[in-house]
Amino acid sequence: QVQLVESGGGLVQPGGSLTLSCAASGSIINIILMSWYRQVPGKEREKVASINEGGAVYADSVKGRFAISRDIAKNTLYLRMNDLKPEDTAVYYCNAYITTFDGSGDHWGQGTQVTVSS
């Protein structure tokens, strides 16, 4: 059993910053890829950023403002969000492609709300 638990969401003013965290736990052998997605009501879930051994990739809408990082020893993923805009308002989800003794597959966190508003 694998669990992903996000934290760090909240209300922030435009131009402000937030850092999201996602802690993975359970019978993990290897985490191959970790990503952040976001979703607003009525729209499809959008990939914001992902990271693996090869580096990080970002959506054009967040390049230069968001930074994804990972603490491999702690199985924890982070998303530092700077210069936040109202259009960044969404529920942010952590995703990880993980190998366990039962095989490999995608796992999702429960989501954390980020609201950017004055």
N, C-alpha and C. Protein backbone atom coordinates (compact mmCIF):
# COMPACT_ATOMS: atom_id res chain seq x y z
N GLN A 1 0.85 -1.19 0.00
CA GLN A 1 0.00 0.00 0.00
C GLN A 1 0.89 1.25 0.00
N VAL A 2 0.57 2.19 -0.88
CA VAL A 2 1.32 3.44 -0.99
C VAL A 2 0.37 4.59 -0.68
N GLN A 3 0.88 5.56 0.07
CA GLN A 3 0.11 6.78 0.35
C GLN A 3 0.91 8.00 -0.06
N LEU A 4 0.23 8.97 -0.67
CA LEU A 4 0.80 10.27 -0.95
C LEU A 4 -0.03 11.30 -0.18
N VAL A 5 0.64 12.10 0.63
CA VAL A 5 -0.07 13.09 1.44
C VAL A 5 0.50 14.46 1.15
N GLU A 6 -0.36 15.35 0.61
CA GLU A 6 0.05 16.72 0.28
C GLU A 6 -0.22 17.64 1.47
N SER A 7 0.54 18.72 1.52
CA SER A 7 0.33 19.77 2.50
C SER A 7 0.87 21.08 1.95
N GLY A 8 0.48 22.18 2.59
CA GLY A 8 1.04 23.48 2.23
C GLY A 8 0.13 24.39 1.45
N GLY A 9 -1.04 23.93 1.07
CA GLY A 9 -1.97 24.80 0.35
C GLY A 9 -2.55 25.87 1.25
N GLY A 10 -3.27 26.81 0.63
CA GLY A 10 -3.89 27.86 1.42
C GLY A 10 -4.26 29.05 0.57
N LEU A 11 -4.55 30.16 1.25
CA LEU A 11 -4.93 31.41 0.59
C LEU A 11 -3.74 32.34 0.57
N VAL A 12 -3.45 32.90 -0.59
CA VAL A 12 -2.33 33.82 -0.73
C VAL A 12 -2.72 34.95 -1.66
N GLN A 13 -2.14 36.12 -1.45
CA GLN A 13 -2.43 37.27 -2.31
C GLN A 13 -1.66 37.16 -3.62
N PRO A 14 -2.15 37.77 -4.67
CA PRO A 14 -1.40 37.79 -5.93
C PRO A 14 0.01 38.33 -5.71
N GLY A 15 0.98 37.66 -6.34
CA GLY A 15 2.38 38.02 -6.15
C GLY A 15 3.05 37.30 -5.01
N GLY A 16 2.27 36.60 -4.21
CA GLY A 16 2.81 35.88 -3.06
C GLY A 16 3.39 34.53 -3.43
N SER A 17 3.83 33.81 -2.40
CA SER A 17 4.49 32.52 -2.60
C SER A 17 3.90 31.48 -1.66
N LEU A 18 3.98 30.23 -2.11
CA LEU A 18 3.60 29.07 -1.29
C LEU A 18 4.52 27.92 -1.66
N THR A 19 4.72 27.02 -0.71
CA THR A 19 5.44 25.79 -0.99
C THR A 19 4.56 24.60 -0.63
N LEU A 20 4.31 23.75 -1.60
CA LEU A 20 3.57 22.52 -1.39
C LEU A 20 4.54 21.37 -1.13
N SER A 21 4.09 20.43 -0.30
CA SER A 21 4.88 19.23 -0.03
C SER A 21 4.02 18.00 -0.28
N CYS A 22 4.68 16.91 -0.64
CA CYS A 22 3.99 15.65 -0.86
C CYS A 22 4.89 14.54 -0.33
N ALA A 23 4.44 13.86 0.71
CA ALA A 23 5.23 12.79 1.32
C ALA A 23 4.66 11.44 0.89
N ALA A 24 5.53 10.61 0.34
CA ALA A 24 5.14 9.26 -0.09
C ALA A 24 5.57 8.26 0.97
N SER A 25 4.69 7.33 1.28
CA SER A 25 5.02 6.30 2.28
C SER A 25 4.41 4.97 1.86
N GLY A 26 4.91 3.90 2.48
CA GLY A 26 4.40 2.57 2.18
C GLY A 26 5.51 1.65 1.70
N SER A 27 5.09 0.59 0.99
CA SER A 27 6.03 -0.43 0.54
C SER A 27 6.69 -0.02 -0.78
N ILE A 28 7.49 1.01 -0.71
CA ILE A 28 8.09 1.61 -1.90
C ILE A 28 9.46 1.00 -2.17
N ILE A 29 9.66 0.50 -3.39
CA ILE A 29 10.98 0.04 -3.80
C ILE A 29 11.71 1.17 -4.52
N ASN A 30 10.99 1.84 -5.42
CA ASN A 30 11.61 2.91 -6.19
C ASN A 30 10.53 3.88 -6.67
N ILE A 31 10.83 5.17 -6.63
CA ILE A 31 9.94 6.19 -7.19
C ILE A 31 10.56 6.66 -8.49
N ILE A 32 9.90 6.41 -9.60
CA ILE A 32 10.48 6.65 -10.91
C ILE A 32 10.25 8.08 -11.37
N LEU A 33 9.06 8.60 -11.12
CA LEU A 33 8.70 9.94 -11.57
C LEU A 33 7.73 10.54 -10.57
N MET A 34 7.92 11.82 -10.26
CA MET A 34 6.97 12.52 -9.39
C MET A 34 6.53 13.79 -10.09
N SER A 35 5.26 14.11 -9.93
CA SER A 35 4.69 15.25 -10.66
C SER A 35 3.68 15.98 -9.80
N TRP A 36 3.44 17.23 -10.16
CA TRP A 36 2.34 18.01 -9.61
C TRP A 36 1.36 18.29 -10.75
N TYR A 37 0.09 18.10 -10.45
CA TYR A 37 -1.00 18.44 -11.35
C TYR A 37 -1.90 19.45 -10.62
N ARG A 38 -2.75 20.12 -11.39
CA ARG A 38 -3.76 20.98 -10.78
C ARG A 38 -5.05 20.89 -11.58
N GLN A 39 -6.14 21.18 -10.89
CA GLN A 39 -7.45 21.09 -11.53
C GLN A 39 -8.39 22.13 -10.96
N VAL A 40 -9.12 22.79 -11.86
CA VAL A 40 -10.19 23.70 -11.46
C VAL A 40 -11.50 23.08 -11.89
N PRO A 41 -12.59 23.43 -11.21
CA PRO A 41 -13.89 22.81 -11.54
C PRO A 41 -14.25 23.02 -13.01
N GLY A 42 -14.69 21.95 -13.64
CA GLY A 42 -15.11 22.03 -15.03
C GLY A 42 -14.00 21.91 -16.05
N LYS A 43 -12.76 21.77 -15.59
CA LYS A 43 -11.64 21.64 -16.52
C LYS A 43 -10.88 20.35 -16.25
N GLU A 44 -10.11 19.92 -17.26
CA GLU A 44 -9.30 18.72 -17.10
C GLU A 44 -8.11 18.99 -16.18
N ARG A 45 -7.65 17.92 -15.56
CA ARG A 45 -6.47 18.04 -14.71
C ARG A 45 -5.26 18.37 -15.60
N GLU A 46 -4.46 19.33 -15.16
CA GLU A 46 -3.33 19.83 -15.94
C GLU A 46 -2.02 19.50 -15.24
N LYS A 47 -1.04 18.98 -15.99
CA LYS A 47 0.27 18.73 -15.40
C LYS A 47 1.00 20.05 -15.27
N VAL A 48 1.50 20.32 -14.08
CA VAL A 48 2.20 21.57 -13.79
C VAL A 48 3.71 21.38 -13.92
N ALA A 49 4.23 20.30 -13.33
CA ALA A 49 5.67 20.06 -13.35
C ALA A 49 5.93 18.60 -12.99
N SER A 50 7.03 18.07 -13.46
CA SER A 50 7.42 16.72 -13.10
C SER A 50 8.94 16.66 -12.96
N ILE A 51 9.41 15.64 -12.23
CA ILE A 51 10.84 15.52 -11.97
C ILE A 51 11.24 14.05 -11.88
N ASN A 52 12.37 13.73 -12.49
CA ASN A 52 12.97 12.40 -12.32
C ASN A 52 14.48 12.58 -12.35
N GLU A 53 15.21 11.48 -12.52
CA GLU A 53 16.68 11.57 -12.50
C GLU A 53 17.20 12.47 -13.60
N GLY A 54 16.44 12.59 -14.69
CA GLY A 54 16.90 13.38 -15.82
C GLY A 54 16.70 14.87 -15.68
N GLY A 55 15.90 15.26 -14.69
CA GLY A 55 15.66 16.68 -14.49
C GLY A 55 14.20 17.00 -14.34
N ALA A 56 13.88 18.29 -14.51
CA ALA A 56 12.52 18.77 -14.29
C ALA A 56 11.94 19.34 -15.58
N VAL A 57 10.62 19.22 -15.69
CA VAL A 57 9.90 19.77 -16.84
C VAL A 57 8.72 20.56 -16.29
N TYR A 58 8.43 21.70 -16.92
CA TYR A 58 7.37 22.58 -16.44
C TYR A 58 6.38 22.90 -17.54
N ALA A 59 5.14 23.15 -17.15
CA ALA A 59 4.16 23.70 -18.08
C ALA A 59 4.57 25.13 -18.40
N ASP A 60 4.27 25.58 -19.61
CA ASP A 60 4.64 26.93 -20.02
C ASP A 60 4.04 27.98 -19.08
N SER A 61 2.87 27.71 -18.55
CA SER A 61 2.18 28.70 -17.72
C SER A 61 2.87 28.96 -16.38
N VAL A 62 3.78 28.07 -15.97
CA VAL A 62 4.44 28.26 -14.67
C VAL A 62 5.94 28.40 -14.78
N LYS A 63 6.50 28.28 -15.98
CA LYS A 63 7.96 28.38 -16.14
C LYS A 63 8.46 29.70 -15.61
N GLY A 64 9.55 29.63 -14.84
CA GLY A 64 10.15 30.83 -14.29
C GLY A 64 9.53 31.28 -12.98
N ARG A 65 8.37 30.69 -12.62
CA ARG A 65 7.71 31.07 -11.35
C ARG A 65 7.66 29.92 -10.35
N PHE A 66 7.54 28.69 -10.85
CA PHE A 66 7.45 27.51 -9.98
C PHE A 66 8.75 26.71 -10.06
N ALA A 67 9.08 26.05 -8.97
CA ALA A 67 10.25 25.17 -8.93
C ALA A 67 9.89 23.87 -8.24
N ILE A 68 10.09 22.77 -8.94
CA ILE A 68 9.83 21.45 -8.37
C ILE A 68 11.14 20.86 -7.88
N SER A 69 11.08 20.20 -6.73
CA SER A 69 12.27 19.56 -6.19
C SER A 69 11.86 18.31 -5.42
N ARG A 70 12.87 17.51 -5.08
CA ARG A 70 12.57 16.22 -4.49
C ARG A 70 13.66 15.86 -3.49
N ASP A 71 13.26 15.37 -2.32
CA ASP A 71 14.18 14.82 -1.34
C ASP A 71 14.05 13.30 -1.44
N ILE A 72 15.00 12.69 -2.13
CA ILE A 72 14.91 11.25 -2.39
C ILE A 72 14.94 10.44 -1.10
N ALA A 73 15.78 10.86 -0.15
CA ALA A 73 15.91 10.11 1.10
C ALA A 73 14.60 10.11 1.89
N LYS A 74 13.83 11.20 1.77
CA LYS A 74 12.58 11.31 2.51
C LYS A 74 11.36 10.96 1.67
N ASN A 75 11.58 10.58 0.40
CA ASN A 75 10.45 10.30 -0.50
C ASN A 75 9.46 11.45 -0.51
N THR A 76 9.97 12.66 -0.55
CA THR A 76 9.12 13.85 -0.48
C THR A 76 9.34 14.75 -1.69
N LEU A 77 8.23 15.23 -2.21
CA LEU A 77 8.23 16.12 -3.37
C LEU A 77 7.79 17.51 -2.92
N TYR A 78 8.37 18.52 -3.55
CA TYR A 78 8.03 19.91 -3.20
C TYR A 78 7.67 20.68 -4.48
N LEU A 79 6.88 21.73 -4.27
CA LEU A 79 6.62 22.68 -5.35
C LEU A 79 6.66 24.07 -4.75
N ARG A 80 7.70 24.81 -5.07
CA ARG A 80 7.81 26.19 -4.64
C ARG A 80 7.15 27.05 -5.69
N MET A 81 6.14 27.82 -5.28
CA MET A 81 5.35 28.63 -6.21
C MET A 81 5.56 30.10 -5.86
N ASN A 82 6.15 30.84 -6.78
CA ASN A 82 6.40 32.27 -6.59
C ASN A 82 5.55 33.09 -7.57
N ASP A 83 5.39 34.38 -7.24
CA ASP A 83 4.66 35.29 -8.12
C ASP A 83 3.31 34.68 -8.51
N LEU A 84 2.58 34.23 -7.53
CA LEU A 84 1.32 33.55 -7.80
C LEU A 84 0.29 34.51 -8.39
N LYS A 85 -0.52 33.96 -9.30
CA LYS A 85 -1.54 34.73 -10.00
C LYS A 85 -2.91 34.12 -9.72
N PRO A 86 -3.98 34.89 -9.87
CA PRO A 86 -5.32 34.33 -9.63
C PRO A 86 -5.59 33.09 -10.47
N GLU A 87 -5.02 33.03 -11.66
CA GLU A 87 -5.25 31.86 -12.51
C GLU A 87 -4.51 30.61 -12.03
N ASP A 88 -3.67 30.75 -11.00
CA ASP A 88 -3.04 29.56 -10.39
C ASP A 88 -3.96 28.90 -9.37
N THR A 89 -5.10 29.53 -9.09
CA THR A 89 -6.05 28.95 -8.15
C THR A 89 -6.55 27.61 -8.66
N ALA A 90 -6.41 26.58 -7.83
CA ALA A 90 -6.79 25.22 -8.23
C ALA A 90 -6.57 24.27 -7.06
N VAL A 91 -7.05 23.06 -7.22
CA VAL A 91 -6.64 21.98 -6.31
C VAL A 91 -5.39 21.35 -6.92
N TYR A 92 -4.34 21.28 -6.13
CA TYR A 92 -3.06 20.74 -6.59
C TYR A 92 -2.91 19.30 -6.09
N TYR A 93 -2.57 18.42 -7.02
CA TYR A 93 -2.44 16.99 -6.72
C TYR A 93 -1.01 16.52 -6.96
N CYS A 94 -0.54 15.70 -6.07
CA CYS A 94 0.74 15.02 -6.21
C CYS A 94 0.52 13.69 -6.92
N ASN A 95 1.41 13.37 -7.84
CA ASN A 95 1.34 12.09 -8.55
C ASN A 95 2.73 11.46 -8.56
N ALA A 96 2.77 10.15 -8.39
CA ALA A 96 4.06 9.45 -8.42
C ALA A 96 3.90 8.10 -9.10
N TYR A 97 4.86 7.79 -9.96
CA TYR A 97 4.92 6.46 -10.58
C TYR A 97 5.91 5.65 -9.75
N ILE A 98 5.37 4.64 -9.06
CA ILE A 98 6.12 3.97 -8.00
C ILE A 98 6.17 2.46 -8.25
N THR A 99 7.34 1.89 -7.96
CA THR A 99 7.50 0.44 -8.00
C THR A 99 7.40 -0.10 -6.58
N THR A 100 6.51 -1.07 -6.39
CA THR A 100 6.38 -1.78 -5.12
C THR A 100 6.58 -3.28 -5.40
N PHE A 101 6.44 -4.09 -4.38
CA PHE A 101 6.57 -5.54 -4.57
C PHE A 101 5.43 -6.10 -5.42
N ASP A 102 4.36 -5.32 -5.57
CA ASP A 102 3.22 -5.75 -6.38
C ASP A 102 3.30 -5.26 -7.82
N GLY A 103 4.35 -4.52 -8.15
CA GLY A 103 4.48 -3.99 -9.50
C GLY A 103 4.62 -2.48 -9.49
N SER A 104 4.43 -1.89 -10.69
CA SER A 104 4.60 -0.44 -10.83
C SER A 104 3.29 0.19 -11.28
N GLY A 105 3.07 1.43 -10.84
CA GLY A 105 1.85 2.12 -11.25
C GLY A 105 1.77 3.52 -10.69
N ASP A 106 0.74 4.23 -11.15
CA ASP A 106 0.50 5.61 -10.72
C ASP A 106 -0.21 5.65 -9.37
N HIS A 107 0.18 6.64 -8.57
CA HIS A 107 -0.47 6.88 -7.29
C HIS A 107 -0.75 8.37 -7.17
N TRP A 108 -1.87 8.71 -6.51
CA TRP A 108 -2.30 10.10 -6.37
C TRP A 108 -2.52 10.47 -4.92
N GLY A 109 -2.23 11.72 -4.61
CA GLY A 109 -2.59 12.26 -3.32
C GLY A 109 -4.03 12.74 -3.33
N GLN A 110 -4.48 13.25 -2.19
CA GLN A 110 -5.87 13.66 -2.04
C GLN A 110 -6.12 15.08 -2.55
N GLY A 111 -5.05 15.83 -2.77
CA GLY A 111 -5.17 17.19 -3.26
C GLY A 111 -5.13 18.22 -2.14
N THR A 112 -4.63 19.40 -2.49
CA THR A 112 -4.59 20.51 -1.55
C THR A 112 -5.00 21.78 -2.31
N GLN A 113 -5.87 22.57 -1.71
CA GLN A 113 -6.42 23.75 -2.36
C GLN A 113 -5.44 24.92 -2.27
N VAL A 114 -5.21 25.55 -3.41
CA VAL A 114 -4.45 26.80 -3.47
C VAL A 114 -5.37 27.87 -4.03
N THR A 115 -5.54 28.95 -3.28
CA THR A 115 -6.40 30.05 -3.71
C THR A 115 -5.57 31.33 -3.73
N VAL A 116 -5.54 31.98 -4.89
CA VAL A 116 -4.80 33.23 -5.04
C VAL A 116 -5.82 34.34 -5.24
N SER A 117 -5.93 35.19 -4.23
CA SER A 117 -6.95 36.23 -4.27
C SER A 117 -6.58 37.36 -3.32
N SER A 118 -6.97 38.57 -3.71
CA SER A 118 -6.75 39.70 -2.83
C SER A 118 -7.97 39.95 -1.95
